[in-house]
N, C-alpha and C. Protein backbone atom coordinates (compact mmCIF):
# COMPACT_ATOMS: atom_id res chain seq x y z
N MET A 1 86.04 72.85 -8.28
CA MET A 1 84.66 73.07 -7.94
C MET A 1 84.13 71.96 -7.01
N ASN A 2 83.55 72.25 -5.89
CA ASN A 2 83.01 71.21 -5.00
C ASN A 2 81.52 70.96 -5.38
N PRO A 3 80.86 69.98 -4.78
CA PRO A 3 79.48 69.61 -5.16
C PRO A 3 78.50 70.80 -4.88
N ARG A 4 78.63 71.55 -3.85
CA ARG A 4 77.72 72.61 -3.60
C ARG A 4 77.89 73.70 -4.70
N GLU A 5 79.10 74.03 -5.07
CA GLU A 5 79.37 74.95 -6.12
C GLU A 5 78.80 74.46 -7.46
N TYR A 6 78.89 73.16 -7.64
CA TYR A 6 78.31 72.55 -8.86
C TYR A 6 76.78 72.70 -8.89
N GLU A 7 76.15 72.66 -7.74
CA GLU A 7 74.68 72.89 -7.67
C GLU A 7 74.37 74.36 -8.11
N TYR A 8 75.10 75.32 -7.61
CA TYR A 8 74.97 76.71 -8.08
C TYR A 8 75.20 76.84 -9.55
N TYR A 9 76.24 76.13 -9.99
CA TYR A 9 76.56 76.21 -11.46
C TYR A 9 75.49 75.57 -12.25
N THR A 10 74.85 74.53 -11.80
CA THR A 10 73.73 73.98 -12.48
C THR A 10 72.56 74.97 -12.53
N GLY A 11 72.38 75.66 -11.41
CA GLY A 11 71.33 76.68 -11.33
C GLY A 11 71.50 77.74 -12.37
N GLU A 12 72.77 78.18 -12.62
CA GLU A 12 73.06 79.17 -13.60
C GLU A 12 72.81 78.65 -14.94
N TYR A 13 73.09 77.33 -15.11
CA TYR A 13 72.79 76.69 -16.48
C TYR A 13 71.30 76.83 -16.79
N PHE A 14 70.43 76.58 -15.83
CA PHE A 14 69.04 76.63 -16.12
C PHE A 14 68.51 78.05 -16.13
N LYS A 15 69.13 78.96 -15.42
CA LYS A 15 68.73 80.39 -15.47
C LYS A 15 68.90 80.89 -16.93
N LYS A 16 70.02 80.46 -17.62
CA LYS A 16 70.34 80.93 -18.93
C LYS A 16 69.32 80.31 -19.90
N LYS A 17 68.60 79.28 -19.57
CA LYS A 17 67.60 78.70 -20.42
C LYS A 17 66.23 79.21 -20.08
N GLY A 18 66.17 80.24 -19.21
CA GLY A 18 64.90 80.92 -18.91
C GLY A 18 64.05 80.47 -17.81
N TYR A 19 64.72 79.63 -16.95
CA TYR A 19 64.00 79.05 -15.81
C TYR A 19 64.22 79.94 -14.52
N LYS A 20 63.25 79.98 -13.69
CA LYS A 20 63.38 80.51 -12.38
C LYS A 20 64.00 79.36 -11.51
N VAL A 21 64.93 79.66 -10.72
CA VAL A 21 65.68 78.60 -9.99
C VAL A 21 65.56 78.74 -8.46
N GLU A 22 65.42 77.67 -7.81
CA GLU A 22 65.36 77.66 -6.31
C GLU A 22 66.23 76.59 -5.81
N LEU A 23 67.35 76.87 -5.12
CA LEU A 23 68.12 75.85 -4.48
C LEU A 23 67.55 75.39 -3.19
N THR A 24 67.62 74.03 -2.94
CA THR A 24 67.10 73.52 -1.64
C THR A 24 68.22 73.62 -0.68
N PRO A 25 67.86 73.45 0.64
CA PRO A 25 68.87 73.47 1.79
C PRO A 25 69.84 72.29 1.57
N GLU A 26 70.98 72.39 2.20
CA GLU A 26 72.03 71.32 2.11
C GLU A 26 71.59 70.01 2.77
N THR A 27 70.68 70.16 3.76
CA THR A 27 70.25 69.03 4.51
C THR A 27 68.76 68.82 4.36
N ASN A 28 68.29 67.54 4.48
CA ASN A 28 66.86 67.28 4.42
C ASN A 28 66.23 67.75 3.14
N ASP A 29 66.97 67.61 2.01
CA ASP A 29 66.42 68.05 0.76
C ASP A 29 65.57 66.92 0.02
N TYR A 30 65.50 65.73 0.69
CA TYR A 30 64.75 64.60 0.17
C TYR A 30 65.09 64.27 -1.25
N GLY A 31 66.32 64.40 -1.65
CA GLY A 31 66.76 64.00 -2.96
C GLY A 31 66.55 64.99 -4.07
N VAL A 32 66.23 66.19 -3.68
CA VAL A 32 66.09 67.28 -4.79
C VAL A 32 67.03 68.43 -4.37
N ASP A 33 67.92 68.78 -5.32
CA ASP A 33 68.88 69.89 -5.14
C ASP A 33 68.38 71.22 -5.58
N LEU A 34 67.58 71.14 -6.68
CA LEU A 34 67.07 72.46 -7.20
C LEU A 34 65.58 72.16 -7.56
N PHE A 35 64.83 73.28 -7.50
CA PHE A 35 63.56 73.30 -8.19
C PHE A 35 63.68 74.40 -9.31
N ILE A 36 63.21 74.15 -10.47
CA ILE A 36 63.18 75.11 -11.52
C ILE A 36 61.74 75.30 -12.01
N TYR A 37 61.48 76.45 -12.47
CA TYR A 37 60.04 76.80 -12.86
C TYR A 37 60.00 77.44 -14.18
N LYS A 38 59.02 77.13 -15.10
CA LYS A 38 58.78 77.78 -16.31
C LYS A 38 57.45 77.33 -16.81
N ASN A 39 56.72 78.28 -17.37
CA ASN A 39 55.45 77.97 -17.95
C ASN A 39 54.50 77.16 -17.14
N SER A 40 54.42 77.57 -15.83
CA SER A 40 53.60 76.91 -14.81
C SER A 40 54.06 75.49 -14.46
N LYS A 41 55.25 75.11 -14.92
CA LYS A 41 55.76 73.74 -14.60
C LYS A 41 56.75 73.88 -13.42
N LYS A 42 56.75 72.93 -12.53
CA LYS A 42 57.67 72.78 -11.42
C LYS A 42 58.45 71.51 -11.71
N ILE A 43 59.79 71.69 -11.77
CA ILE A 43 60.68 70.57 -12.15
C ILE A 43 61.66 70.30 -11.04
N ALA A 44 61.83 69.01 -10.66
CA ALA A 44 62.74 68.63 -9.63
C ALA A 44 64.10 68.26 -10.33
N ILE A 45 65.19 68.83 -9.74
CA ILE A 45 66.53 68.50 -10.26
C ILE A 45 67.37 67.88 -9.19
N GLN A 46 67.96 66.74 -9.55
CA GLN A 46 68.95 66.08 -8.78
C GLN A 46 70.33 66.33 -9.37
N VAL A 47 71.38 66.69 -8.61
CA VAL A 47 72.68 67.03 -9.11
C VAL A 47 73.72 66.11 -8.43
N LYS A 48 74.52 65.47 -9.26
CA LYS A 48 75.61 64.60 -8.72
C LYS A 48 76.89 64.97 -9.48
N MET A 49 77.88 65.50 -8.74
CA MET A 49 79.17 65.78 -9.26
C MET A 49 80.08 64.60 -8.83
N TYR A 50 80.20 63.71 -9.72
CA TYR A 50 81.06 62.46 -9.44
C TYR A 50 82.35 62.47 -10.28
N GLY A 51 82.37 63.21 -11.44
CA GLY A 51 83.50 63.28 -12.21
C GLY A 51 83.87 61.87 -12.76
N GLN A 52 85.15 61.55 -12.78
CA GLN A 52 85.69 60.25 -13.21
C GLN A 52 85.76 59.26 -11.99
N GLY A 53 85.03 59.51 -10.99
CA GLY A 53 85.05 58.62 -9.78
C GLY A 53 84.58 57.24 -10.06
N THR A 54 84.78 56.37 -9.19
CA THR A 54 84.39 55.01 -9.37
C THR A 54 82.89 54.69 -9.32
N ARG A 55 82.15 55.66 -8.71
CA ARG A 55 80.64 55.38 -8.51
C ARG A 55 79.96 55.99 -9.71
N PRO A 56 79.17 55.14 -10.45
CA PRO A 56 78.33 55.65 -11.52
C PRO A 56 76.91 56.01 -11.13
N ILE A 57 76.20 56.61 -11.97
CA ILE A 57 74.74 56.92 -11.82
C ILE A 57 73.99 55.61 -12.13
N ASN A 58 73.28 55.05 -11.17
CA ASN A 58 72.57 53.85 -11.44
C ASN A 58 71.09 54.07 -11.42
N ARG A 59 70.33 52.91 -11.67
CA ARG A 59 68.86 52.97 -11.83
C ARG A 59 68.18 53.39 -10.47
N GLN A 60 68.83 52.97 -9.36
CA GLN A 60 68.25 53.28 -8.05
C GLN A 60 68.19 54.80 -7.88
N MET A 61 69.17 55.50 -8.34
CA MET A 61 69.19 56.97 -8.11
C MET A 61 68.08 57.61 -8.98
N ILE A 62 67.81 57.06 -10.16
CA ILE A 62 66.81 57.62 -10.98
C ILE A 62 65.42 57.35 -10.41
N MET A 63 65.30 56.12 -9.90
CA MET A 63 63.94 55.77 -9.30
C MET A 63 63.69 56.62 -8.03
N GLU A 64 64.79 56.85 -7.23
CA GLU A 64 64.60 57.75 -6.09
C GLU A 64 64.21 59.14 -6.47
N LEU A 65 64.82 59.62 -7.58
CA LEU A 65 64.42 60.99 -8.03
C LEU A 65 62.91 61.02 -8.46
N CYS A 66 62.43 59.92 -9.09
CA CYS A 66 61.10 59.90 -9.45
C CYS A 66 60.21 59.96 -8.24
N GLY A 67 60.56 59.31 -7.21
CA GLY A 67 59.79 59.33 -5.94
C GLY A 67 59.77 60.78 -5.36
N ALA A 68 60.98 61.40 -5.40
CA ALA A 68 61.03 62.79 -4.86
C ALA A 68 60.18 63.75 -5.67
N MET A 69 60.24 63.51 -6.99
CA MET A 69 59.44 64.37 -7.93
C MET A 69 57.93 64.29 -7.49
N ASN A 70 57.44 63.07 -7.32
CA ASN A 70 56.05 62.88 -6.91
C ASN A 70 55.72 63.48 -5.55
N TYR A 71 56.74 63.28 -4.65
CA TYR A 71 56.47 63.80 -3.24
C TYR A 71 56.31 65.32 -3.23
N PHE A 72 57.08 65.95 -4.10
CA PHE A 72 56.99 67.46 -4.21
C PHE A 72 56.02 67.98 -5.16
N ASP A 73 55.19 67.09 -5.72
CA ASP A 73 54.16 67.51 -6.68
C ASP A 73 54.75 68.22 -7.88
N CYS A 74 55.83 67.72 -8.39
CA CYS A 74 56.46 68.36 -9.65
C CYS A 74 55.88 67.71 -10.88
N ASN A 75 56.01 68.45 -11.98
CA ASN A 75 55.52 68.01 -13.27
C ASN A 75 56.59 67.07 -13.94
N GLN A 76 57.81 67.28 -13.57
CA GLN A 76 58.87 66.61 -14.31
C GLN A 76 60.12 66.58 -13.43
N ALA A 77 61.06 65.75 -13.86
CA ALA A 77 62.38 65.72 -13.08
C ALA A 77 63.48 65.59 -14.10
N LYS A 78 64.62 66.13 -13.73
CA LYS A 78 65.85 66.04 -14.51
C LYS A 78 66.99 65.68 -13.66
N PHE A 79 67.97 64.91 -14.18
CA PHE A 79 69.13 64.45 -13.46
C PHE A 79 70.35 65.03 -14.14
N VAL A 80 71.14 65.82 -13.38
CA VAL A 80 72.25 66.50 -13.87
C VAL A 80 73.56 65.85 -13.28
N THR A 81 74.55 65.54 -14.12
CA THR A 81 75.76 64.93 -13.56
C THR A 81 76.90 65.09 -14.52
N ASP A 82 78.15 65.06 -13.99
CA ASP A 82 79.28 65.00 -14.84
C ASP A 82 79.86 63.58 -14.78
N GLY A 83 79.19 62.61 -14.18
CA GLY A 83 79.74 61.30 -14.05
C GLY A 83 79.22 60.33 -15.05
N ARG A 84 79.65 59.02 -14.82
CA ARG A 84 79.19 58.03 -15.75
C ARG A 84 77.82 57.59 -15.39
N VAL A 85 77.10 57.26 -16.47
CA VAL A 85 75.70 56.78 -16.31
C VAL A 85 75.59 55.38 -16.86
N LEU A 86 75.09 54.46 -16.04
CA LEU A 86 74.95 53.09 -16.44
C LEU A 86 73.76 52.89 -17.42
N ASN A 87 73.87 51.88 -18.16
CA ASN A 87 72.78 51.56 -19.18
C ASN A 87 71.39 51.42 -18.46
N ASP A 88 71.45 50.74 -17.29
CA ASP A 88 70.11 50.53 -16.63
C ASP A 88 69.52 51.80 -16.13
N ALA A 89 70.41 52.78 -15.82
CA ALA A 89 69.89 54.10 -15.46
C ALA A 89 69.25 54.86 -16.60
N LEU A 90 69.89 54.71 -17.80
CA LEU A 90 69.37 55.24 -19.05
C LEU A 90 67.98 54.66 -19.36
N GLU A 91 67.85 53.40 -19.22
CA GLU A 91 66.58 52.66 -19.55
C GLU A 91 65.48 53.12 -18.56
N VAL A 92 65.79 53.20 -17.30
CA VAL A 92 64.78 53.66 -16.39
C VAL A 92 64.41 55.05 -16.49
N ALA A 93 65.39 55.87 -16.87
CA ALA A 93 65.13 57.32 -17.11
C ALA A 93 64.18 57.52 -18.31
N GLU A 94 64.43 56.72 -19.32
CA GLU A 94 63.57 56.88 -20.52
C GLU A 94 62.16 56.41 -20.16
N LYS A 95 62.04 55.33 -19.49
CA LYS A 95 60.70 54.83 -19.06
C LYS A 95 59.95 55.84 -18.20
N LEU A 96 60.65 56.50 -17.29
CA LEU A 96 60.00 57.41 -16.37
C LEU A 96 60.00 58.86 -16.88
N ASN A 97 60.44 59.05 -18.10
CA ASN A 97 60.56 60.41 -18.71
C ASN A 97 61.39 61.35 -17.89
N ILE A 98 62.51 60.93 -17.43
CA ILE A 98 63.36 61.78 -16.64
C ILE A 98 64.60 62.04 -17.56
N GLU A 99 64.83 63.28 -17.84
CA GLU A 99 65.98 63.57 -18.66
C GLU A 99 67.21 63.65 -17.90
N ILE A 100 68.30 62.97 -18.45
CA ILE A 100 69.61 62.96 -17.90
C ILE A 100 70.50 63.98 -18.71
N ILE A 101 71.06 64.95 -17.98
CA ILE A 101 71.89 65.99 -18.59
C ILE A 101 73.33 65.86 -18.15
N ASN A 102 74.23 65.68 -19.11
CA ASN A 102 75.66 65.71 -18.77
C ASN A 102 76.27 67.09 -18.82
N LEU A 103 76.63 67.59 -17.63
CA LEU A 103 77.13 68.97 -17.49
C LEU A 103 78.53 68.95 -16.88
N SER A 104 79.49 69.33 -17.63
CA SER A 104 80.90 69.33 -17.15
C SER A 104 81.05 70.63 -16.27
N PRO A 105 81.78 70.45 -15.10
CA PRO A 105 81.98 71.64 -14.25
C PRO A 105 82.95 72.58 -15.02
N ASP A 106 82.78 73.91 -14.75
CA ASP A 106 83.58 74.96 -15.33
C ASP A 106 84.35 75.61 -14.10
N ASP A 107 85.61 75.35 -14.03
CA ASP A 107 86.36 75.92 -12.91
C ASP A 107 86.55 77.36 -12.89
N SER A 108 86.16 78.01 -13.94
CA SER A 108 86.21 79.49 -14.05
C SER A 108 84.97 80.05 -13.36
N PHE A 109 83.99 79.23 -13.06
CA PHE A 109 82.76 79.64 -12.30
C PHE A 109 83.15 79.92 -10.89
N LYS A 110 82.93 81.09 -10.38
CA LYS A 110 83.30 81.43 -8.98
C LYS A 110 81.97 81.91 -8.27
N ILE A 111 81.86 81.42 -7.04
CA ILE A 111 80.78 81.88 -6.18
C ILE A 111 81.21 81.76 -4.71
N ASN A 112 80.88 82.78 -3.95
CA ASN A 112 81.27 82.75 -2.58
C ASN A 112 80.12 82.13 -1.77
N VAL A 113 80.34 80.81 -1.44
CA VAL A 113 79.30 80.12 -0.74
C VAL A 113 79.89 79.34 0.45
N LYS A 114 79.37 79.50 1.63
CA LYS A 114 79.90 78.78 2.78
C LYS A 114 79.41 77.32 2.75
N ASP A 115 80.32 76.40 2.78
CA ASP A 115 79.96 74.96 2.69
C ASP A 115 80.89 74.19 3.61
N THR A 116 80.47 74.06 4.89
CA THR A 116 81.32 73.40 5.87
C THR A 116 81.61 72.00 5.51
N PHE A 117 80.71 71.21 4.81
CA PHE A 117 80.96 69.84 4.48
C PHE A 117 82.11 69.84 3.47
N SER A 118 81.99 70.62 2.41
CA SER A 118 83.02 70.53 1.32
C SER A 118 84.40 70.93 1.89
N ASP A 119 84.45 71.92 2.74
CA ASP A 119 85.66 72.32 3.36
C ASP A 119 86.33 71.19 4.15
N ILE A 120 85.52 70.46 4.93
CA ILE A 120 86.09 69.35 5.76
C ILE A 120 86.53 68.18 4.81
N TRP A 121 85.69 67.95 3.82
CA TRP A 121 86.00 66.84 2.93
C TRP A 121 87.37 67.08 2.22
N THR A 122 87.52 68.36 1.80
CA THR A 122 88.73 68.74 1.02
C THR A 122 89.94 68.68 1.93
N LYS A 123 89.81 69.28 3.11
CA LYS A 123 90.98 69.48 4.01
C LYS A 123 91.42 68.27 4.78
N TYR A 124 90.37 67.55 5.17
CA TYR A 124 90.70 66.44 6.17
C TYR A 124 90.45 65.02 5.63
N ILE A 125 89.45 64.85 4.73
CA ILE A 125 89.04 63.52 4.29
C ILE A 125 89.84 63.04 3.08
N ILE A 126 89.85 63.86 2.05
CA ILE A 126 90.51 63.51 0.83
C ILE A 126 92.04 63.13 1.07
N PRO A 127 92.69 63.79 1.99
CA PRO A 127 94.13 63.42 2.23
C PRO A 127 94.30 62.06 2.93
N LEU A 128 93.16 61.40 3.30
CA LEU A 128 93.23 60.15 3.93
C LEU A 128 93.53 59.01 2.95
N LYS A 129 93.37 59.28 1.70
CA LYS A 129 93.59 58.31 0.69
C LYS A 129 95.05 57.62 0.85
N GLY A 130 95.00 56.31 0.85
CA GLY A 130 96.25 55.57 0.98
C GLY A 130 96.71 55.33 2.40
N LYS A 131 96.02 55.98 3.36
CA LYS A 131 96.41 55.82 4.77
C LYS A 131 95.68 54.70 5.41
N THR A 132 96.29 54.12 6.46
CA THR A 132 95.72 53.12 7.26
C THR A 132 95.29 53.64 8.60
N LEU A 133 94.07 53.55 8.94
CA LEU A 133 93.46 54.06 10.15
C LEU A 133 93.35 52.91 11.17
N ILE A 134 93.69 53.23 12.43
CA ILE A 134 93.69 52.19 13.50
C ILE A 134 92.61 52.47 14.46
N ARG A 135 91.79 51.50 14.70
CA ARG A 135 90.74 51.55 15.75
C ARG A 135 91.32 51.49 17.15
N SER A 136 90.48 51.85 18.10
CA SER A 136 91.05 51.73 19.50
C SER A 136 91.30 50.23 19.88
N ASN A 137 90.68 49.28 19.17
CA ASN A 137 91.01 47.81 19.48
C ASN A 137 92.13 47.25 18.65
N GLY A 138 92.90 48.12 17.96
CA GLY A 138 93.96 47.78 17.12
C GLY A 138 93.73 47.34 15.74
N LYS A 139 92.42 47.17 15.34
CA LYS A 139 92.03 46.72 14.02
C LYS A 139 92.21 47.83 13.02
N GLU A 140 92.52 47.47 11.76
CA GLU A 140 92.94 48.44 10.73
C GLU A 140 91.81 48.59 9.70
N ASN A 141 91.78 49.78 9.14
CA ASN A 141 90.97 50.10 7.96
C ASN A 141 91.94 50.81 7.01
N LYS A 142 92.11 50.39 5.75
CA LYS A 142 92.99 51.05 4.78
C LYS A 142 92.03 51.84 3.85
N ILE A 143 92.29 53.16 3.73
CA ILE A 143 91.49 53.98 2.84
C ILE A 143 92.13 53.89 1.43
N VAL A 144 91.42 53.25 0.50
CA VAL A 144 91.93 53.02 -0.78
C VAL A 144 91.69 54.23 -1.72
N LEU A 145 90.48 54.80 -1.62
CA LEU A 145 90.18 55.83 -2.57
C LEU A 145 89.16 56.80 -1.91
N VAL A 146 89.40 58.07 -2.11
CA VAL A 146 88.41 59.15 -1.69
C VAL A 146 88.19 60.08 -2.89
N ASP A 147 86.90 60.27 -3.15
CA ASP A 147 86.56 61.28 -4.20
C ASP A 147 85.27 61.91 -3.81
N TRP A 148 84.61 62.63 -4.74
CA TRP A 148 83.37 63.26 -4.46
C TRP A 148 82.15 62.37 -4.51
N SER A 149 82.45 61.10 -4.76
CA SER A 149 81.34 60.10 -4.69
C SER A 149 81.32 59.32 -3.40
N GLY A 150 82.42 59.29 -2.70
CA GLY A 150 82.55 58.60 -1.44
C GLY A 150 83.91 57.97 -1.15
N ILE A 151 83.96 56.95 -0.38
CA ILE A 151 85.15 56.35 0.10
C ILE A 151 85.15 54.86 -0.20
N LYS A 152 86.30 54.37 -0.76
CA LYS A 152 86.58 52.94 -0.79
C LYS A 152 87.55 52.52 0.23
N ARG A 153 87.30 51.42 1.01
CA ARG A 153 88.26 51.08 2.00
C ARG A 153 88.34 49.57 2.16
N ILE A 154 89.45 49.11 2.74
CA ILE A 154 89.56 47.67 3.06
C ILE A 154 89.29 47.58 4.57
N THR A 155 88.29 46.86 4.90
CA THR A 155 87.93 46.81 6.34
C THR A 155 88.76 45.89 7.15
N SER A 156 88.54 45.87 8.45
CA SER A 156 89.43 45.14 9.35
C SER A 156 89.39 43.60 9.06
N ASN A 157 88.29 43.08 8.40
CA ASN A 157 88.23 41.69 8.03
C ASN A 157 88.66 41.38 6.65
N GLY A 158 89.31 42.53 6.02
CA GLY A 158 89.89 42.24 4.69
C GLY A 158 89.03 42.42 3.55
N ASN A 159 87.76 42.81 3.70
CA ASN A 159 86.80 43.06 2.66
C ASN A 159 86.92 44.45 2.05
N THR A 160 86.66 44.60 0.80
CA THR A 160 86.61 46.00 0.20
C THR A 160 85.16 46.41 0.25
N ALA A 161 85.01 47.63 0.74
CA ALA A 161 83.70 48.18 0.97
C ALA A 161 83.74 49.71 0.55
N THR A 162 82.58 50.22 0.17
CA THR A 162 82.39 51.62 -0.17
C THR A 162 81.38 52.27 0.83
N ILE A 163 81.67 53.55 1.09
CA ILE A 163 80.66 54.29 1.79
C ILE A 163 80.33 55.59 0.98
N LYS A 164 79.06 55.73 0.70
CA LYS A 164 78.63 56.84 -0.14
C LYS A 164 78.85 58.25 0.54
N ILE A 165 79.18 59.21 -0.25
CA ILE A 165 79.45 60.52 0.26
C ILE A 165 78.25 61.16 0.97
N GLU A 166 76.94 60.87 0.54
CA GLU A 166 75.80 61.46 0.98
C GLU A 166 75.71 61.25 2.54
N ILE A 167 76.04 60.06 3.05
CA ILE A 167 75.86 59.83 4.47
C ILE A 167 76.93 60.73 5.30
N PHE A 168 78.13 60.92 4.74
CA PHE A 168 79.09 61.78 5.44
C PHE A 168 78.60 63.17 5.48
N LYS A 169 78.04 63.66 4.34
CA LYS A 169 77.52 65.00 4.36
C LYS A 169 76.35 65.15 5.39
N GLN A 170 75.50 64.20 5.37
CA GLN A 170 74.34 64.30 6.29
C GLN A 170 74.82 64.28 7.77
N VAL A 171 75.81 63.43 8.10
CA VAL A 171 76.33 63.44 9.47
C VAL A 171 77.05 64.65 9.87
N ILE A 172 77.85 65.24 9.02
CA ILE A 172 78.64 66.41 9.30
C ILE A 172 77.68 67.61 9.43
N ASN A 173 76.71 67.77 8.55
CA ASN A 173 75.73 68.87 8.73
C ASN A 173 74.96 68.74 10.01
N TYR A 174 74.59 67.56 10.35
CA TYR A 174 73.80 67.32 11.58
C TYR A 174 74.69 67.60 12.80
N LEU A 175 75.98 67.18 12.75
CA LEU A 175 76.91 67.54 13.82
C LEU A 175 77.14 69.00 14.05
N GLU A 176 77.23 69.76 12.92
CA GLU A 176 77.46 71.16 13.00
C GLU A 176 76.27 71.84 13.73
N LYS A 177 75.09 71.31 13.49
CA LYS A 177 73.87 71.96 14.08
C LYS A 177 73.61 71.46 15.48
N ASN A 178 73.75 70.13 15.72
CA ASN A 178 73.30 69.60 16.95
C ASN A 178 74.37 69.13 17.88
N LYS A 179 75.72 69.23 17.43
CA LYS A 179 76.85 68.93 18.23
C LYS A 179 77.14 67.50 18.55
N GLU A 180 76.24 66.60 18.34
CA GLU A 180 76.62 65.18 18.43
C GLU A 180 75.53 64.32 17.73
N ILE A 181 76.04 63.08 17.37
CA ILE A 181 75.10 62.09 16.80
C ILE A 181 75.60 60.75 17.19
N THR A 182 74.69 59.86 17.49
CA THR A 182 74.93 58.41 17.87
C THR A 182 75.11 57.56 16.74
N ARG A 183 75.90 56.50 16.90
CA ARG A 183 76.05 55.49 15.87
C ARG A 183 74.75 54.87 15.50
N LYS A 184 73.79 54.73 16.45
CA LYS A 184 72.51 54.21 16.10
C LYS A 184 71.74 55.10 15.16
N ALA A 185 71.83 56.38 15.47
CA ALA A 185 71.15 57.36 14.53
C ALA A 185 71.76 57.28 13.09
N ILE A 186 72.99 57.09 12.98
CA ILE A 186 73.65 56.98 11.70
C ILE A 186 73.15 55.69 10.95
N ASN A 187 73.14 54.60 11.71
CA ASN A 187 72.57 53.36 11.14
C ASN A 187 71.21 53.41 10.69
N ASP A 188 70.44 54.16 11.50
CA ASP A 188 68.93 54.35 11.20
C ASP A 188 68.70 55.02 9.89
N ASP A 189 69.73 55.87 9.45
CA ASP A 189 69.50 56.62 8.26
C ASP A 189 70.27 56.09 7.06
N TYR A 190 71.20 55.12 7.24
CA TYR A 190 72.02 54.57 6.18
C TYR A 190 71.87 53.16 6.00
N LEU A 191 71.35 52.72 4.90
CA LEU A 191 71.06 51.35 4.61
C LEU A 191 72.39 50.46 4.58
N GLY A 192 73.49 51.13 4.29
CA GLY A 192 74.75 50.41 4.31
C GLY A 192 75.26 49.88 5.66
N ARG A 193 74.68 50.49 6.68
CA ARG A 193 75.01 50.14 8.05
C ARG A 193 76.57 50.10 8.22
N ALA A 194 77.22 51.20 7.88
CA ALA A 194 78.64 51.33 8.01
C ALA A 194 79.04 52.44 9.06
N SER A 195 78.24 52.46 10.10
CA SER A 195 78.45 53.54 11.12
C SER A 195 79.88 53.40 11.75
N SER A 196 80.37 52.24 11.93
CA SER A 196 81.70 52.14 12.58
C SER A 196 82.80 52.75 11.64
N GLY A 197 82.78 52.50 10.33
CA GLY A 197 83.64 53.17 9.37
C GLY A 197 83.46 54.66 9.31
N ILE A 198 82.24 55.03 9.26
CA ILE A 198 81.90 56.48 9.21
C ILE A 198 82.49 57.23 10.50
N CYS A 199 82.26 56.64 11.64
CA CYS A 199 82.84 57.20 12.86
C CYS A 199 84.35 57.26 12.89
N LEU A 200 85.03 56.17 12.44
CA LEU A 200 86.40 56.00 12.43
C LEU A 200 86.96 57.10 11.50
N ILE A 201 86.39 57.32 10.30
CA ILE A 201 86.91 58.28 9.34
C ILE A 201 86.68 59.67 9.83
N LEU A 202 85.53 60.03 10.30
CA LEU A 202 85.20 61.39 10.76
C LEU A 202 85.91 61.76 12.00
N SER A 203 86.34 60.75 12.77
CA SER A 203 87.09 61.11 14.05
C SER A 203 88.60 61.49 13.70
N GLN A 204 88.89 61.43 12.37
CA GLN A 204 90.29 61.98 12.00
C GLN A 204 90.22 63.49 11.82
N VAL A 205 89.02 64.07 11.83
CA VAL A 205 88.85 65.51 11.81
C VAL A 205 89.25 66.05 13.17
N PRO A 206 90.14 66.99 13.23
CA PRO A 206 90.58 67.52 14.52
C PRO A 206 89.56 67.96 15.56
N PHE A 207 88.36 68.41 15.08
CA PHE A 207 87.34 68.88 15.99
C PHE A 207 86.12 68.00 16.05
N ILE A 208 86.34 66.74 15.66
CA ILE A 208 85.24 65.67 15.85
C ILE A 208 85.85 64.55 16.62
N ASP A 209 85.27 64.25 17.77
CA ASP A 209 85.68 63.12 18.61
C ASP A 209 84.71 61.97 18.55
N TYR A 210 85.30 60.73 18.73
CA TYR A 210 84.45 59.61 18.87
C TYR A 210 84.45 59.13 20.26
N LEU A 211 83.27 59.09 20.92
CA LEU A 211 83.13 58.73 22.33
C LEU A 211 82.25 57.53 22.45
N LYS A 212 82.34 56.84 23.63
CA LYS A 212 81.54 55.65 23.83
C LYS A 212 80.62 55.87 24.97
N ASN A 213 79.60 54.84 25.14
CA ASN A 213 78.63 54.83 26.14
C ASN A 213 77.74 56.09 26.21
N PRO A 214 77.00 56.33 25.22
CA PRO A 214 76.80 55.60 23.98
C PRO A 214 77.83 56.00 22.94
N ALA A 215 77.96 55.05 22.01
CA ALA A 215 78.93 55.29 20.89
C ALA A 215 78.35 56.49 20.05
N ARG A 216 79.19 57.52 19.87
CA ARG A 216 78.71 58.77 19.21
C ARG A 216 79.85 59.60 18.77
N LEU A 217 79.55 60.46 17.80
CA LEU A 217 80.47 61.53 17.35
C LEU A 217 80.11 62.81 18.01
N VAL A 218 81.09 63.60 18.41
CA VAL A 218 80.84 64.78 19.09
C VAL A 218 81.63 65.93 18.39
N TRP A 219 80.95 67.02 18.12
CA TRP A 219 81.51 68.20 17.38
C TRP A 219 81.99 69.20 18.47
N LYS A 220 83.36 69.49 18.45
CA LYS A 220 84.02 70.31 19.44
C LYS A 220 84.17 71.74 19.01
N LYS A 221 83.84 71.98 17.83
CA LYS A 221 84.16 73.35 17.25
C LYS A 221 83.23 74.48 17.85
């Protein structure tokens, strides 16, 4: 099950509990994956399928969901995940009255949904685990780990760094629609400022090129 399928699976979970369910678009969802409705209440749902990955649910994620809940004029918010939840996230969730639901994926759940990002991540990015990528200047990045939470790598200066999966999803969906994106635009949207690593990794996809002047990714498909 990929993350988009997990969102649909979560929707079915709430439907069985009597909620009306609305999935948000894959891009520009402002941190809400589902809206659910019951008894005149509108509830914002954030969904994270991290499994046993290295990235846990932390307090920042809970606080961001609270902001999204208020932005969309919701009465309540819930956080659904199959991943680890840090104690500080539990404390903040209790303070903000946000319910955290642990929901394990069910691989018997089948749905026919087109998800370009998940296809690319599965076919081209996950197999990069353990490989060393070479930049045009000869510097190396070693991909230590790839999962549904993101990528851990050893950078060219020997530091261990992570890049969250959300920015890869955002870039790929933008590329599919607009055909190119600059490094500057990536940095503008990502606080981690890891655009060079993002471009290096995504340029391993056969139909994505990294070009210069200006530095950008180009979708050839």
